[in-house]
């Protein structure tokens, strides 16, 4: 149980005292009852107790196949004509 100081207006205090007298219960009991109901009704949508919600971003690579290179490992990936940069540069000039 948490014990806390709650500030309420003078009008609310007067109503609480009169209602507690009519119900023949202590002001503290009535205030606790009202606070419990109000907290559960008004704040239960905002906070879920015992359940931690973490937001995870969707993985853009989900359900994708990995890249596969089907070429022969002995064969160069770049053709030899394109690999010889020095000679190709002279040809462009």
PDB file of N, CA and C in Angstrom:
ATOM      1  N   UNK A   1       0.838  -1.166   0.000  1.00  0.00           N
ATOM      2  CA  UNK A   1       0.000   0.000   0.000  1.00  0.00           C
ATOM      3  C   UNK A   1       0.889   1.238   0.000  1.00  0.00           C
ATOM      4  N   UNK A   2       0.472   2.223  -0.770  1.00  0.00           N
ATOM      5  CA  UNK A   2       1.188   3.497  -0.831  1.00  0.00           C
ATOM      6  C   UNK A   2       0.397   4.531  -0.051  1.00  0.00           C
ATOM      7  N   UNK A   3       1.065   5.227   0.830  1.00  0.00           N
ATOM      8  CA  UNK A   3       0.427   6.309   1.571  1.00  0.00           C
ATOM      9  C   UNK A   3       0.947   7.603   0.973  1.00  0.00           C
ATOM     10  N   UNK A   4       0.008   8.476   0.627  1.00  0.00           N
ATOM     11  CA  UNK A   4       0.401   9.709  -0.027  1.00  0.00           C
ATOM     12  C   UNK A   4      -0.482  10.855   0.440  1.00  0.00           C
ATOM     13  N   UNK A   5       0.005  12.046   0.310  1.00  0.00           N
ATOM     14  CA  UNK A   5      -0.792  13.237   0.590  1.00  0.00           C
ATOM     15  C   UNK A   5      -1.442  13.675  -0.705  1.00  0.00           C
ATOM     16  N   UNK A   6      -2.751  13.812  -0.654  1.00  0.00           N
ATOM     17  CA  UNK A   6      -3.496  14.232  -1.834  1.00  0.00           C
ATOM     18  C   UNK A   6      -4.170  15.548  -1.511  1.00  0.00           C
ATOM     19  N   UNK A   7      -3.992  16.516  -2.381  1.00  0.00           N
ATOM     20  CA  UNK A   7      -4.611  17.821  -2.163  1.00  0.00           C
ATOM     21  C   UNK A   7      -5.910  17.891  -2.960  1.00  0.00           C
ATOM     22  N   UNK A   8      -6.987  18.165  -2.275  1.00  0.00           N
ATOM     23  CA  UNK A   8      -8.274  18.345  -2.951  1.00  0.00           C
ATOM     24  C   UNK A   8      -8.857  19.682  -2.510  1.00  0.00           C
ATOM     25  N   UNK A   9      -9.749  20.199  -3.301  1.00  0.00           N
ATOM     26  CA  UNK A   9     -10.320  21.520  -3.009  1.00  0.00           C
ATOM     27  C   UNK A   9     -11.196  21.465  -1.757  1.00  0.00           C
ATOM     28  N   UNK A  10     -11.470  22.628  -1.224  1.00  0.00           N
ATOM     29  CA  UNK A  10     -12.292  22.716  -0.012  1.00  0.00           C
ATOM     30  C   UNK A  10     -13.699  22.190  -0.286  1.00  0.00           C
ATOM     31  N   UNK A  11     -14.221  22.471  -1.454  1.00  0.00           N
ATOM     32  CA  UNK A  11     -15.555  21.983  -1.818  1.00  0.00           C
ATOM     33  C   UNK A  11     -15.575  20.458  -1.850  1.00  0.00           C
ATOM     34  N   UNK A  12     -14.550  19.864  -2.451  1.00  0.00           N
ATOM     35  CA  UNK A  12     -14.468  18.408  -2.504  1.00  0.00           C
ATOM     36  C   UNK A  12     -14.321  17.816  -1.113  1.00  0.00           C
ATOM     37  N   UNK A  13     -13.575  18.485  -0.247  1.00  0.00           N
ATOM     38  CA  UNK A  13     -13.432  18.015   1.133  1.00  0.00           C
ATOM     39  C   UNK A  13     -14.778  18.004   1.849  1.00  0.00           C
ATOM     40  N   UNK A  14     -15.556  19.083   1.675  1.00  0.00           N
ATOM     41  CA  UNK A  14     -16.864  19.171   2.319  1.00  0.00           C
ATOM     42  C   UNK A  14     -17.793  18.061   1.831  1.00  0.00           C
ATOM     43  N   UNK A  15     -17.792  17.824   0.523  1.00  0.00           N
ATOM     44  CA  UNK A  15     -18.630  16.767  -0.045  1.00  0.00           C
ATOM     45  C   UNK A  15     -18.189  15.414   0.484  1.00  0.00           C
ATOM     46  N   UNK A  16     -16.896  15.194   0.550  1.00  0.00           N
ATOM     47  CA  UNK A  16     -16.352  13.925   1.025  1.00  0.00           C
ATOM     48  C   UNK A  16     -16.740  13.676   2.486  1.00  0.00           C
ATOM     49  N   UNK A  17     -16.647  14.690   3.315  1.00  0.00           N
ATOM     50  CA  UNK A  17     -17.006  14.562   4.736  1.00  0.00           C
ATOM     51  C   UNK A  17     -18.492  14.240   4.882  1.00  0.00           C
ATOM     52  N   UNK A  18     -19.348  14.960   4.145  1.00  0.00           N
ATOM     53  CA  UNK A  18     -20.803  14.731   4.232  1.00  0.00           C
ATOM     54  C   UNK A  18     -21.173  13.341   3.698  1.00  0.00           C
ATOM     55  N   UNK A  19     -20.552  12.926   2.599  1.00  0.00           N
ATOM     56  CA  UNK A  19     -20.845  11.607   2.021  1.00  0.00           C
ATOM     57  C   UNK A  19     -20.379  10.500   2.950  1.00  0.00           C
ATOM     58  N   UNK A  20     -19.225  10.677   3.583  1.00  0.00           N
ATOM     59  CA  UNK A  20     -18.722   9.670   4.517  1.00  0.00           C
ATOM     60  C   UNK A  20     -19.652   9.558   5.724  1.00  0.00           C
ATOM     61  N   UNK A  21     -20.186  10.690   6.187  1.00  0.00           N
ATOM     62  CA  UNK A  21     -21.115  10.664   7.323  1.00  0.00           C
ATOM     63  C   UNK A  21     -22.399   9.935   6.946  1.00  0.00           C
ATOM     64  N   UNK A  22     -22.916  10.185   5.735  1.00  0.00           N
ATOM     65  CA  UNK A  22     -24.148   9.522   5.298  1.00  0.00           C
ATOM     66  C   UNK A  22     -23.937   8.027   5.119  1.00  0.00           C
ATOM     67  N   UNK A  23     -22.752   7.628   4.658  1.00  0.00           N
ATOM     68  CA  UNK A  23     -22.463   6.209   4.452  1.00  0.00           C
ATOM     69  C   UNK A  23     -21.984   5.533   5.730  1.00  0.00           C
ATOM     70  N   UNK A  24     -21.810   6.334   6.781  1.00  0.00           N
ATOM     71  CA  UNK A  24     -21.344   5.838   8.085  1.00  0.00           C
ATOM     72  C   UNK A  24     -19.998   5.103   7.953  1.00  0.00           C
ATOM     73  N   UNK A  25     -19.078   5.785   7.277  1.00  0.00           N
ATOM     74  CA  UNK A  25     -17.723   5.258   7.149  1.00  0.00           C
ATOM     75  C   UNK A  25     -16.750   6.410   7.329  1.00  0.00           C
ATOM     76  N   UNK A  26     -15.495   6.081   7.533  1.00  0.00           N
ATOM     77  CA  UNK A  26     -14.500   7.143   7.733  1.00  0.00           C
ATOM     78  C   UNK A  26     -14.215   7.861   6.418  1.00  0.00           C
ATOM     79  N   UNK A  27     -13.770   9.084   6.554  1.00  0.00           N
ATOM     80  CA  UNK A  27     -13.424   9.885   5.376  1.00  0.00           C
ATOM     81  C   UNK A  27     -12.279   9.209   4.618  1.00  0.00           C
ATOM     82  N   UNK A  28     -11.335   8.645   5.348  1.00  0.00           N
ATOM     83  CA  UNK A  28     -10.190   7.985   4.727  1.00  0.00           C
ATOM     84  C   UNK A  28     -10.625   6.769   3.908  1.00  0.00           C
ATOM     85  N   UNK A  29     -11.551   5.985   4.475  1.00  0.00           N
ATOM     86  CA  UNK A  29     -12.037   4.806   3.746  1.00  0.00           C
ATOM     87  C   UNK A  29     -12.751   5.211   2.460  1.00  0.00           C
ATOM     88  N   UNK A  30     -13.623   6.204   2.565  1.00  0.00           N
ATOM     89  CA  UNK A  30     -14.360   6.654   1.379  1.00  0.00           C
ATOM     90  C   UNK A  30     -13.415   7.245   0.339  1.00  0.00           C
ATOM     91  N   UNK A  31     -12.465   8.054   0.779  1.00  0.00           N
ATOM     92  CA  UNK A  31     -11.507   8.646  -0.160  1.00  0.00           C
ATOM     93  C   UNK A  31     -10.672   7.566  -0.835  1.00  0.00           C
ATOM     94  N   UNK A  32     -10.255   6.562  -0.084  1.00  0.00           N
ATOM     95  CA  UNK A  32      -9.473   5.467  -0.657  1.00  0.00           C
ATOM     96  C   UNK A  32     -10.301   4.698  -1.683  1.00  0.00           C
ATOM     97  N   UNK A  33     -11.552   4.452  -1.353  1.00  0.00           N
ATOM     98  CA  UNK A  33     -12.437   3.736  -2.271  1.00  0.00           C
ATOM     99  C   UNK A  33     -12.616   4.517  -3.576  1.00  0.00           C
ATOM    100  N   UNK A  34     -12.879   5.816  -3.435  1.00  0.00           N
ATOM    101  CA  UNK A  34     -13.077   6.664  -4.618  1.00  0.00           C
ATOM    102  C   UNK A  34     -11.808   6.765  -5.467  1.00  0.00           C
ATOM    103  N   UNK A  35     -10.663   6.926  -4.799  1.00  0.00           N
ATOM    104  CA  UNK A  35      -9.399   7.023  -5.533  1.00  0.00           C
ATOM    105  C   UNK A  35      -9.083   5.723  -6.272  1.00  0.00           C
ATOM    106  N   UNK A  36      -9.292   4.599  -5.626  1.00  0.00           N
ATOM    107  CA  UNK A  36      -9.044   3.315  -6.283  1.00  0.00           C
ATOM    108  C   UNK A  36      -9.895   3.156  -7.532  1.00  0.00           C
ATOM    109  N   UNK A  37     -11.186   3.471  -7.420  1.00  0.00           N
ATOM    110  CA  UNK A  37     -12.081   3.373  -8.583  1.00  0.00           C
ATOM    111  C   UNK A  37     -11.663   4.325  -9.688  1.00  0.00           C
ATOM    112  N   UNK A  38     -11.388   5.577  -9.314  1.00  0.00           N
ATOM    113  CA  UNK A  38     -11.035   6.583 -10.317  1.00  0.00           C
ATOM    114  C   UNK A  38      -9.732   6.232 -11.022  1.00  0.00           C
ATOM    115  N   UNK A  39      -8.757   5.785 -10.261  1.00  0.00           N
ATOM    116  CA  UNK A  39      -7.467   5.427 -10.861  1.00  0.00           C
ATOM    117  C   UNK A  39      -7.633   4.269 -11.831  1.00  0.00           C
ATOM    118  N   UNK A  40      -8.369   3.249 -11.411  1.00  0.00           N
ATOM    119  CA  UNK A  40      -8.560   2.087 -12.290  1.00  0.00           C
ATOM    120  C   UNK A  40      -9.370   2.449 -13.531  1.00  0.00           C
ATOM    121  N   UNK A  41     -10.405   3.260 -13.372  1.00  0.00           N
ATOM    122  CA  UNK A  41     -11.243   3.617 -14.514  1.00  0.00           C
ATOM    123  C   UNK A  41     -10.554   4.566 -15.481  1.00  0.00           C
ATOM    124  N   UNK A  42      -9.878   5.551 -14.965  1.00  0.00           N
ATOM    125  CA  UNK A  42      -9.308   6.583 -15.829  1.00  0.00           C
ATOM    126  C   UNK A  42      -7.920   6.269 -16.354  1.00  0.00           C
ATOM    127  N   UNK A  43      -7.137   5.507 -15.613  1.00  0.00           N
ATOM    128  CA  UNK A  43      -5.740   5.315 -16.001  1.00  0.00           C
ATOM    129  C   UNK A  43      -5.421   3.916 -16.495  1.00  0.00           C
ATOM    130  N   UNK A  44      -6.339   2.985 -16.394  1.00  0.00           N
ATOM    131  CA  UNK A  44      -6.037   1.612 -16.821  1.00  0.00           C
ATOM    132  C   UNK A  44      -5.802   1.527 -18.323  1.00  0.00           C
ATOM    133  N   UNK A  45      -6.382   2.439 -19.102  1.00  0.00           N
ATOM    134  CA  UNK A  45      -6.149   2.445 -20.553  1.00  0.00           C
ATOM    135  C   UNK A  45      -4.740   2.908 -20.890  1.00  0.00           C
ATOM    136  N   UNK A  46      -4.207   3.779 -20.064  1.00  0.00           N
ATOM    137  CA  UNK A  46      -2.883   4.353 -20.332  1.00  0.00           C
ATOM    138  C   UNK A  46      -1.776   3.390 -19.916  1.00  0.00           C
ATOM    139  N   UNK A  47      -1.940   2.761 -18.768  1.00  0.00           N
ATOM    140  CA  UNK A  47      -0.897   1.913 -18.198  1.00  0.00           C
ATOM    141  C   UNK A  47      -1.411   0.483 -18.102  1.00  0.00           C
ATOM    142  N   UNK A  48      -0.603  -0.455 -18.587  1.00  0.00           N
ATOM    143  CA  UNK A  48      -0.935  -1.859 -18.411  1.00  0.00           C
ATOM    144  C   UNK A  48       0.087  -2.439 -17.445  1.00  0.00           C
ATOM    145  N   UNK A  49      -0.388  -2.882 -16.302  1.00  0.00           N
ATOM    146  CA  UNK A  49       0.492  -3.390 -15.244  1.00  0.00           C
ATOM    147  C   UNK A  49       0.873  -4.819 -15.551  1.00  0.00           C
ATOM    148  N   UNK A  50       2.159  -5.115 -15.395  1.00  0.00           N
ATOM    149  CA  UNK A  50       2.645  -6.469 -15.602  1.00  0.00           C
ATOM    150  C   UNK A  50       2.964  -6.780 -17.044  1.00  0.00           C
ATOM    151  N   UNK A  51       2.625  -5.902 -17.911  1.00  0.00           N
ATOM    152  CA  UNK A  51       2.875  -6.141 -19.330  1.00  0.00           C
ATOM    153  C   UNK A  51       3.762  -5.018 -19.852  1.00  0.00           C
ATOM    154  N   UNK A  52       4.921  -5.372 -20.301  1.00  0.00           N
ATOM    155  CA  UNK A  52       5.849  -4.390 -20.829  1.00  0.00           C
ATOM    156  C   UNK A  52       5.737  -4.424 -22.344  1.00  0.00           C
ATOM    157  N   UNK A  53       5.355  -3.311 -22.893  1.00  0.00           N
ATOM    158  CA  UNK A  53       5.223  -3.252 -24.346  1.00  0.00           C
ATOM    159  C   UNK A  53       6.450  -2.554 -24.920  1.00  0.00           C
ATOM    160  N   UNK A  54       7.150  -3.262 -25.758  1.00  0.00           N
ATOM    161  CA  UNK A  54       8.301  -2.689 -26.428  1.00  0.00           C
ATOM    162  C   UNK A  54       7.958  -2.592 -27.901  1.00  0.00           C
ATOM    163  N   UNK A  55       8.311  -1.487 -28.457  1.00  0.00           N
ATOM    164  CA  UNK A  55       8.048  -1.307 -29.867  1.00  0.00           C
ATOM    165  C   UNK A  55       9.287  -1.709 -30.648  1.00  0.00           C
ATOM    166  N   UNK A  56       9.102  -2.660 -31.513  1.00  0.00           N
ATOM    167  CA  UNK A  56      10.183  -3.104 -32.364  1.00  0.00           C
ATOM    168  C   UNK A  56       9.865  -2.688 -33.792  1.00  0.00           C
ATOM    169  N   UNK A  57      10.862  -2.201 -34.467  1.00  0.00           N
ATOM    170  CA  UNK A  57      10.680  -1.839 -35.858  1.00  0.00           C
ATOM    171  C   UNK A  57      10.745  -3.096 -36.701  1.00  0.00           C
ATOM    172  N   UNK A  58       9.970  -3.115 -37.751  1.00  0.00           N
ATOM    173  CA  UNK A  58       9.979  -4.296 -38.602  1.00  0.00           C
ATOM    174  C   UNK A  58      11.303  -4.383 -39.346  1.00  0.00           C
ATOM    175  N   UNK A  59      11.773  -5.580 -39.526  1.00  0.00           N
ATOM    176  CA  UNK A  59      13.041  -5.814 -40.199  1.00  0.00           C
ATOM    177  C   UNK A  59      12.792  -5.794 -41.700  1.00  0.00           C
ATOM    178  N   UNK A  60      13.411  -4.873 -42.437  1.00  0.00           N
ATOM    179  CA  UNK A  60      13.179  -4.812 -43.884  1.00  0.00           C
ATOM    180  C   UNK A  60      13.730  -6.040 -44.610  1.00  0.00           C
ATOM    181  N   UNK A  61      14.589  -6.802 -43.960  1.00  0.00           N
ATOM    182  CA  UNK A  61      15.160  -7.989 -44.592  1.00  0.00           C
ATOM    183  C   UNK A  61      14.406  -9.262 -44.239  1.00  0.00           C
ATOM    184  N   UNK A  62      13.320  -9.115 -43.497  1.00  0.00           N
ATOM    185  CA  UNK A  62      12.556 -10.303 -43.112  1.00  0.00           C
ATOM    186  C   UNK A  62      11.959 -10.956 -44.353  1.00  0.00           C
ATOM    187  N   UNK A  63      11.950 -12.264 -44.357  1.00  0.00           N
ATOM    188  CA  UNK A  63      11.395 -13.075 -45.451  1.00  0.00           C
ATOM    189  C   UNK A  63      12.107 -12.850 -46.787  1.00  0.00           C
ATOM    190  N   UNK A  64      13.334 -12.421 -46.741  1.00  0.00           N
ATOM    191  CA  UNK A  64      14.133 -12.242 -47.965  1.00  0.00           C
ATOM    192  C   UNK A  64      15.170 -13.354 -48.039  1.00  0.00           C
ATOM    193  N   UNK A  65      15.525 -13.708 -49.237  1.00  0.00           N
ATOM    194  CA  UNK A  65      16.555 -14.730 -49.439  1.00  0.00           C
ATOM    195  C   UNK A  65      17.924 -14.059 -49.444  1.00  0.00           C
ATOM    196  N   UNK A  66      18.934 -14.698 -48.896  1.00  0.00           N
ATOM    197  CA  UNK A  66      20.274 -14.112 -48.928  1.00  0.00           C
ATOM    198  C   UNK A  66      20.800 -14.080 -50.365  1.00  0.00           C
ATOM    199  N   UNK A  67      21.690 -13.138 -50.606  1.00  0.00           N
ATOM    200  CA  UNK A  67      22.289 -13.008 -51.930  1.00  0.00           C
ATOM    201  C   UNK A  67      23.163 -14.228 -52.197  1.00  0.00           C
ATOM    202  N   UNK A  68      23.004 -14.776 -53.364  1.00  0.00           N
ATOM    203  CA  UNK A  68      23.828 -15.941 -53.743  1.00  0.00           C
ATOM    204  C   UNK A  68      24.590 -15.604 -55.020  1.00  0.00           C
ATOM    205  N   UNK A  69      25.853 -15.944 -55.026  1.00  0.00           N
ATOM    206  CA  UNK A  69      26.712 -15.701 -56.187  1.00  0.00           C
ATOM    207  C   UNK A  69      26.980 -17.057 -56.828  1.00  0.00           C
ATOM    208  N   UNK A  70      26.388 -17.279 -58.001  1.00  0.00           N
ATOM    209  CA  UNK A  70      26.449 -18.586 -58.625  1.00  0.00           C
ATOM    210  C   UNK A  70      27.578 -18.731 -59.647  1.00  0.00           C
ATOM    211  N   UNK A  71      28.465 -17.768 -59.723  1.00  0.00           N
ATOM    212  CA  UNK A  71      29.555 -17.851 -60.699  1.00  0.00           C
ATOM    213  C   UNK A  71      30.616 -18.845 -60.218  1.00  0.00           C
ATOM    214  N   UNK A  72      31.440 -19.235 -61.128  1.00  0.00           N
ATOM    215  CA  UNK A  72      32.542 -20.137 -60.823  1.00  0.00           C
ATOM    216  C   UNK A  72      33.597 -19.357 -60.030  1.00  0.00           C
ATOM    217  N   UNK A  73      34.037 -19.851 -58.867  1.00  0.00           N
ATOM    218  CA  UNK A  73      35.018 -19.109 -58.079  1.00  0.00           C
ATOM    219  C   UNK A  73      36.363 -18.941 -58.789  1.00  0.00           C
ATOM    220  N   UNK A  74      36.654 -19.779 -59.763  1.00  0.00           N
ATOM    221  CA  UNK A  74      37.911 -19.650 -60.502  1.00  0.00           C
ATOM    222  C   UNK A  74      37.803 -18.559 -61.569  1.00  0.00           C
ATOM    223  N   UNK A  75      36.605 -18.234 -61.959  1.00  0.00           N
ATOM    224  CA  UNK A  75      36.384 -17.231 -63.004  1.00  0.00           C
ATOM    225  C   UNK A  75      36.354 -15.847 -62.355  1.00  0.00           C
ATOM    226  N   UNK A  76      37.041 -14.853 -62.909  1.00  0.00           N
ATOM    227  CA  UNK A  76      37.033 -13.517 -62.301  1.00  0.00           C
ATOM    228  C   UNK A  76      35.648 -12.865 -62.416  1.00  0.00           C
ATOM    229  N   UNK A  77      35.258 -12.153 -61.392  1.00  0.00           N
ATOM    230  CA  UNK A  77      33.953 -11.489 -61.384  1.00  0.00           C
ATOM    231  C   UNK A  77      33.928 -10.312 -62.349  1.00  0.00           C
ATOM    232  N   UNK A  78      35.072  -9.648 -62.520  1.00  0.00           N
ATOM    233  CA  UNK A  78      35.182  -8.535 -63.461  1.00  0.00           C
ATOM    234  C   UNK A  78      35.966  -9.030 -64.667  1.00  0.00           C
ATOM    235  N   UNK A  79      35.431  -8.825 -65.880  1.00  0.00           N
ATOM    236  CA  UNK A  79      36.158  -9.267 -67.069  1.00  0.00           C
ATOM    237  C   UNK A  79      37.548  -8.625 -67.140  1.00  0.00           C
ATOM    238  N   UNK A  80      38.507  -9.331 -67.725  1.00  0.00           N
ATOM    239  CA  UNK A  80      39.891  -8.838 -67.789  1.00  0.00           C
ATOM    240  C   UNK A  80      39.995  -7.526 -68.547  1.00  0.00           C
ATOM    241  N   UNK A  81      39.140  -7.327 -69.562  1.00  0.00           N
ATOM    242  CA  UNK A  81      39.204  -6.057 -70.322  1.00  0.00           C
ATOM    243  C   UNK A  81      38.860  -4.874 -69.416  1.00  0.00           C
ATOM    244  N   UNK A  82      37.911  -5.081 -68.532  1.00  0.00           N
ATOM    245  CA  UNK A  82      37.515  -4.000 -67.637  1.00  0.00           C
ATOM    246  C   UNK A  82      38.478  -3.846 -66.464  1.00  0.00           C
ATOM    247  N   UNK A  83      39.195  -4.887 -66.145  1.00  0.00           N
ATOM    248  CA  UNK A  83      40.111  -4.878 -65.018  1.00  0.00           C
ATOM    249  C   UNK A  83      41.363  -4.070 -65.317  1.00  0.00           C
ATOM    250  N   UNK A  84      41.780  -4.052 -66.532  1.00  0.00           N
ATOM    251  CA  UNK A  84      43.002  -3.347 -66.906  1.00  0.00           C
ATOM    252  C   UNK A  84      42.679  -1.855 -67.049  1.00  0.00           C
ATOM    253  N   UNK A  85      42.674  -1.148 -65.953  1.00  0.00           N
ATOM    254  CA  UNK A  85      42.259   0.253 -65.912  1.00  0.00           C
ATOM    255  C   UNK A  85      43.248   1.149 -66.649  1.00  0.00           C
ATOM    256  N   UNK A  86      44.534   0.889 -66.531  1.00  0.00           N
ATOM    257  CA  UNK A  86      45.543   1.765 -67.144  1.00  0.00           C
ATOM    258  C   UNK A  86      45.378   1.807 -68.653  1.00  0.00           C
ATOM    259  N   UNK A  87      45.200   0.652 -69.270  1.00  0.00           N
ATOM    260  CA  UNK A  87      45.071   0.619 -70.724  1.00  0.00           C
ATOM    261  C   UNK A  87      43.730   1.185 -71.181  1.00  0.00           C
ATOM    262  N   UNK A  88      42.675   0.947 -70.435  1.00  0.00           N
ATOM    263  CA  UNK A  88      41.375   1.457 -70.839  1.00  0.00           C
ATOM    264  C   UNK A  88      41.321   2.968 -70.736  1.00  0.00           C
ATOM    265  N   UNK A  89      42.083   3.562 -69.796  1.00  0.00           N
ATOM    266  CA  UNK A  89      42.138   5.007 -69.642  1.00  0.00           C
ATOM    267  C   UNK A  89      42.787   5.638 -70.872  1.00  0.00           C
ATOM    268  N   UNK A  90      43.852   5.008 -71.361  1.00  0.00           N
ATOM    269  CA  UNK A  90      44.552   5.541 -72.528  1.00  0.00           C
ATOM    270  C   UNK A  90      43.681   5.440 -73.774  1.00  0.00           C
ATOM    271  N   UNK A  91      42.842   4.405 -73.850  1.00  0.00           N
ATOM    272  CA  UNK A  91      41.977   4.244 -75.005  1.00  0.00           C
ATOM    273  C   UNK A  91      40.906   5.332 -75.053  1.00  0.00           C
ATOM    274  N   UNK A  92      40.453   5.813 -73.901  1.00  0.00           N
ATOM    275  CA  UNK A  92      39.408   6.832 -73.853  1.00  0.00           C
ATOM    276  C   UNK A  92      39.961   8.152 -74.358  1.00  0.00           C
ATOM    277  N   UNK A  93      41.184   8.464 -74.084  1.00  0.00           N
ATOM    278  CA  UNK A  93      41.782   9.727 -74.514  1.00  0.00           C
ATOM    279  C   UNK A  93      41.968   9.694 -75.991  1.00  0.00           C
TER     280      UNK A  93
END
